[in-house]
Amino acid sequence: MLNSRAMIEDLDFNFENKLVNVVAMRNCPKIEVGGMIIGPFEEGQEYEVRFWVANELEKAGMARLRDEDLLDAQRLYKIQWTERVQSVLQITALLDDFYPKLRRCIKNLKKGALKDPEKMREYERVTRWAQDILNCRMKKIVSLSSSSRLNNQFMGNLTKEELWLYEQLHKIIEEWKASMLKVENEE
């Protein structure tokens, strides 16, 4: 059984190696890195690369991730608002790889916050919203974990991280319930 840190590291590794689309910001020749060929790129064209490659191309000013592949404050606010107004029996389906994207969004905002007071305010807002989303969803998962009824629609809207949490909690709760009702023979 994986602990939560190992599970997150595995999912982050998979995310870093996931294929994403980038838009070339300028013409670039092909690049060979560790036996892997990247490019060539033509300005304005879209290409599919691994996320970690996209990140490096973005740092170098050679390409940018498409907006659809990013998580920003506006999207996060909509998710936070939706989670807050839903009942404990409802949970929204999140973006693919929501939590890895969220961690990277917060990390990028934190870097920018060191230089710009406006980015600091955005970083603080986004961090509050992220914590609120986490708390709302966790309450729903704990509630579902202790229930004997399985709601397939609810389960289908959980992320991989949340499904892992549900399974761990459900197992612990079921074992606890069984041990509370277990009657030993007194012979």
Protein backbone atom coordinates (compact mmCIF):
# COMPACT_ATOMS: atom_id res chain seq x y z
CA MET A 1 0.00 0.00 0.00
CA LEU A 2 1.38 3.40 -1.01
CA ASN A 3 1.45 6.26 1.43
CA SER A 4 -0.05 9.55 0.26
CA ARG A 5 3.35 11.17 -0.50
CA ALA A 6 4.42 8.23 -2.69
CA MET A 7 1.06 8.22 -4.46
CA ILE A 8 1.34 11.95 -5.19
CA GLU A 9 4.93 11.53 -6.43
CA ASP A 10 3.80 8.73 -8.79
CA LEU A 11 0.94 10.84 -10.14
CA ASP A 12 3.24 13.87 -10.53
CA PHE A 13 5.77 11.75 -12.43
CA ASN A 14 3.01 10.57 -14.76
CA PHE A 15 1.80 14.16 -15.18
CA GLU A 16 5.30 15.43 -16.01
CA ASN A 17 5.51 12.81 -18.76
CA LYS A 18 2.01 13.38 -20.13
CA LEU A 19 1.69 14.70 -23.66
CA VAL A 20 0.46 18.31 -23.88
CA ASN A 21 0.09 20.82 -26.68
CA VAL A 22 2.32 23.86 -27.01
CA VAL A 23 2.32 26.74 -29.45
CA ALA A 24 5.75 27.70 -30.81
CA MET A 25 6.62 31.32 -30.03
CA ARG A 26 9.44 31.40 -32.57
CA ASN A 27 11.16 29.23 -35.16
CA CYS A 28 13.57 26.78 -33.54
CA PRO A 29 15.78 24.02 -34.94
CA LYS A 30 15.48 20.49 -33.62
CA ILE A 31 17.07 19.86 -30.25
CA GLU A 32 18.46 16.53 -29.06
CA VAL A 33 18.27 15.89 -25.33
CA GLY A 34 19.25 12.55 -23.85
CA GLY A 35 18.58 10.73 -27.12
CA MET A 36 15.20 12.42 -27.54
CA ILE A 37 14.63 14.75 -30.48
CA ILE A 38 12.49 17.82 -29.83
CA GLY A 39 11.35 20.02 -32.70
CA PRO A 40 12.02 21.63 -35.07
CA PHE A 41 9.37 24.25 -34.35
CA GLU A 42 7.75 26.79 -36.62
CA GLU A 43 6.39 29.96 -35.01
CA GLY A 44 2.64 29.88 -34.44
CA GLN A 45 2.30 26.14 -35.00
CA GLU A 46 1.02 23.72 -32.36
CA TYR A 47 3.07 20.71 -31.26
CA GLU A 48 2.60 17.82 -28.85
CA VAL A 49 5.39 17.31 -26.31
CA ARG A 50 5.78 15.94 -22.80
CA PHE A 51 4.79 18.35 -20.04
CA TRP A 52 8.33 18.63 -18.67
CA VAL A 53 9.58 19.50 -22.17
CA ALA A 54 6.81 22.10 -22.54
CA ASN A 55 7.88 23.61 -19.23
CA GLU A 56 11.49 23.93 -20.40
CA LEU A 57 10.47 25.35 -23.78
CA GLU A 58 8.31 27.90 -21.98
CA LYS A 59 11.18 28.93 -19.69
CA ALA A 60 13.37 29.42 -22.78
CA GLY A 61 10.69 31.53 -24.47
CA MET A 62 10.41 29.06 -27.33
CA ALA A 63 6.83 27.88 -26.76
CA ARG A 64 3.85 28.28 -24.45
CA LEU A 65 1.30 25.84 -23.14
CA ARG A 66 -2.20 26.25 -24.48
CA ASP A 67 -4.53 27.98 -22.04
CA GLU A 68 -6.78 24.90 -21.94
CA ASP A 69 -3.92 22.94 -20.35
CA LEU A 70 -3.42 25.44 -17.51
CA LEU A 71 -5.23 26.19 -14.28
CA ASP A 72 -5.68 29.86 -13.47
CA ALA A 73 -7.37 31.93 -10.76
CA GLN A 74 -10.58 32.38 -12.75
CA ARG A 75 -11.06 28.62 -13.28
CA LEU A 76 -10.16 27.92 -9.69
CA TYR A 77 -12.70 30.43 -8.39
CA LYS A 78 -15.46 28.79 -10.46
CA ILE A 79 -14.55 25.38 -9.05
CA GLN A 80 -14.46 26.75 -5.49
CA TRP A 81 -17.82 28.45 -5.86
CA THR A 82 -19.42 25.33 -7.33
CA GLU A 83 -18.08 23.08 -4.55
CA ARG A 84 -19.37 25.44 -1.87
CA VAL A 85 -22.95 25.61 -3.18
CA GLN A 86 -23.34 21.88 -3.76
CA SER A 87 -24.72 19.54 -1.14
CA VAL A 88 -22.54 16.98 0.57
CA LEU A 89 -24.00 14.37 -1.80
CA GLN A 90 -22.70 16.18 -4.91
CA ILE A 91 -19.16 16.52 -6.17
CA THR A 92 -18.04 18.16 -9.39
CA ALA A 93 -15.87 16.42 -11.95
CA LEU A 94 -12.59 18.32 -12.04
CA LEU A 95 -10.17 19.02 -14.87
CA ASP A 96 -7.84 16.20 -15.87
CA ASP A 97 -4.83 16.24 -13.56
CA PHE A 98 -6.41 18.93 -11.38
CA TYR A 99 -4.11 18.54 -8.38
CA PRO A 100 -0.79 18.48 -10.29
CA LYS A 101 -1.99 21.55 -12.20
CA LEU A 102 -3.06 23.21 -8.96
CA ARG A 103 0.32 22.62 -7.32
CA ARG A 104 2.09 24.11 -10.35
CA CYS A 105 -0.29 27.08 -10.47
CA ILE A 106 0.39 27.87 -6.81
CA LYS A 107 4.14 27.37 -7.27
CA ASN A 108 4.23 29.77 -10.24
CA LEU A 109 2.17 32.39 -8.40
CA LYS A 110 4.44 32.09 -5.36
CA LYS A 111 7.50 32.76 -7.56
CA GLY A 112 5.84 35.85 -9.04
CA ALA A 113 4.64 37.00 -5.60
CA LEU A 114 8.20 37.61 -4.47
CA LYS A 115 8.56 40.41 -7.02
CA ASP A 116 5.05 41.82 -7.45
CA PRO A 117 2.54 42.81 -4.71
CA GLU A 118 -0.41 42.15 -7.07
CA LYS A 119 0.88 38.62 -7.66
CA MET A 120 1.15 38.23 -3.88
CA ARG A 121 -2.54 39.06 -3.50
CA GLU A 122 -3.43 36.65 -6.29
CA TYR A 123 -1.25 33.96 -4.70
CA GLU A 124 -3.02 34.44 -1.34
CA ARG A 125 -6.48 34.38 -2.98
CA VAL A 126 -5.70 31.26 -5.01
CA THR A 127 -4.23 29.51 -1.98
CA ARG A 128 -7.42 30.26 0.04
CA TRP A 129 -9.63 29.00 -2.78
CA ALA A 130 -7.52 25.86 -3.19
CA GLN A 131 -7.74 25.14 0.55
CA ASP A 132 -11.49 25.68 0.44
CA ILE A 133 -11.87 23.27 -2.50
CA LEU A 134 -9.77 20.70 -0.68
CA ASN A 135 -11.83 21.05 2.52
CA CYS A 136 -15.19 20.86 0.71
CA ARG A 137 -14.21 17.81 -1.29
CA MET A 138 -12.58 16.09 1.67
CA LYS A 139 -15.77 16.47 3.75
CA LYS A 140 -17.75 14.88 0.92
CA ILE A 141 -15.24 12.03 0.58
CA VAL A 142 -15.27 11.34 4.33
CA SER A 143 -19.07 11.25 4.25
CA LEU A 144 -19.12 8.85 1.31
CA SER A 145 -16.39 6.69 2.91
CA SER A 146 -18.52 6.05 5.96
CA SER A 147 -21.63 5.27 3.94
CA SER A 148 -22.52 1.71 3.01
CA ARG A 149 -24.14 2.94 -0.22
CA LEU A 150 -21.89 3.38 -3.22
CA ASN A 151 -22.76 6.28 -5.49
CA ASN A 152 -21.18 5.56 -8.89
CA GLN A 153 -21.76 9.07 -10.21
CA PHE A 154 -20.06 10.53 -7.15
CA MET A 155 -17.17 8.07 -7.46
CA GLY A 156 -16.75 8.86 -11.16
CA ASN A 157 -16.20 12.54 -10.33
CA LEU A 158 -13.29 11.89 -7.96
CA THR A 159 -9.72 12.54 -9.05
CA LYS A 160 -7.11 9.77 -8.72
CA GLU A 161 -5.86 11.36 -5.49
CA GLU A 162 -9.37 11.57 -4.07
CA LEU A 163 -10.21 8.02 -5.07
CA TRP A 164 -7.09 6.85 -3.23
CA LEU A 165 -8.21 8.79 -0.13
CA TYR A 166 -11.74 7.35 -0.39
CA GLU A 167 -10.40 3.78 -0.62
CA GLN A 168 -8.09 4.25 2.38
CA LEU A 169 -10.81 5.84 4.52
CA HIS A 170 -13.46 3.32 3.48
CA LYS A 171 -11.21 0.41 4.40
CA ILE A 172 -10.35 1.90 7.81
CA ILE A 173 -13.99 2.75 8.57
CA GLU A 174 -15.27 -0.69 7.55
CA GLU A 175 -12.62 -2.41 9.71
CA TRP A 176 -13.48 -0.15 12.63
CA LYS A 177 -17.23 -0.81 12.28
CA ALA A 178 -16.62 -4.58 12.15
CA SER A 179 -14.39 -4.49 15.24
CA MET A 180 -16.95 -2.45 17.19
CA LEU A 181 -19.66 -5.03 16.57
CA LYS A 182 -17.50 -8.13 16.99
CA VAL A 183 -18.57 -10.30 19.91
CA GLU A 184 -16.04 -12.76 21.28
CA ASN A 185 -17.08 -16.16 22.57
CA GLU A 186 -16.73 -16.22 26.35
CA GLU A 187 -16.35 -19.97 26.75
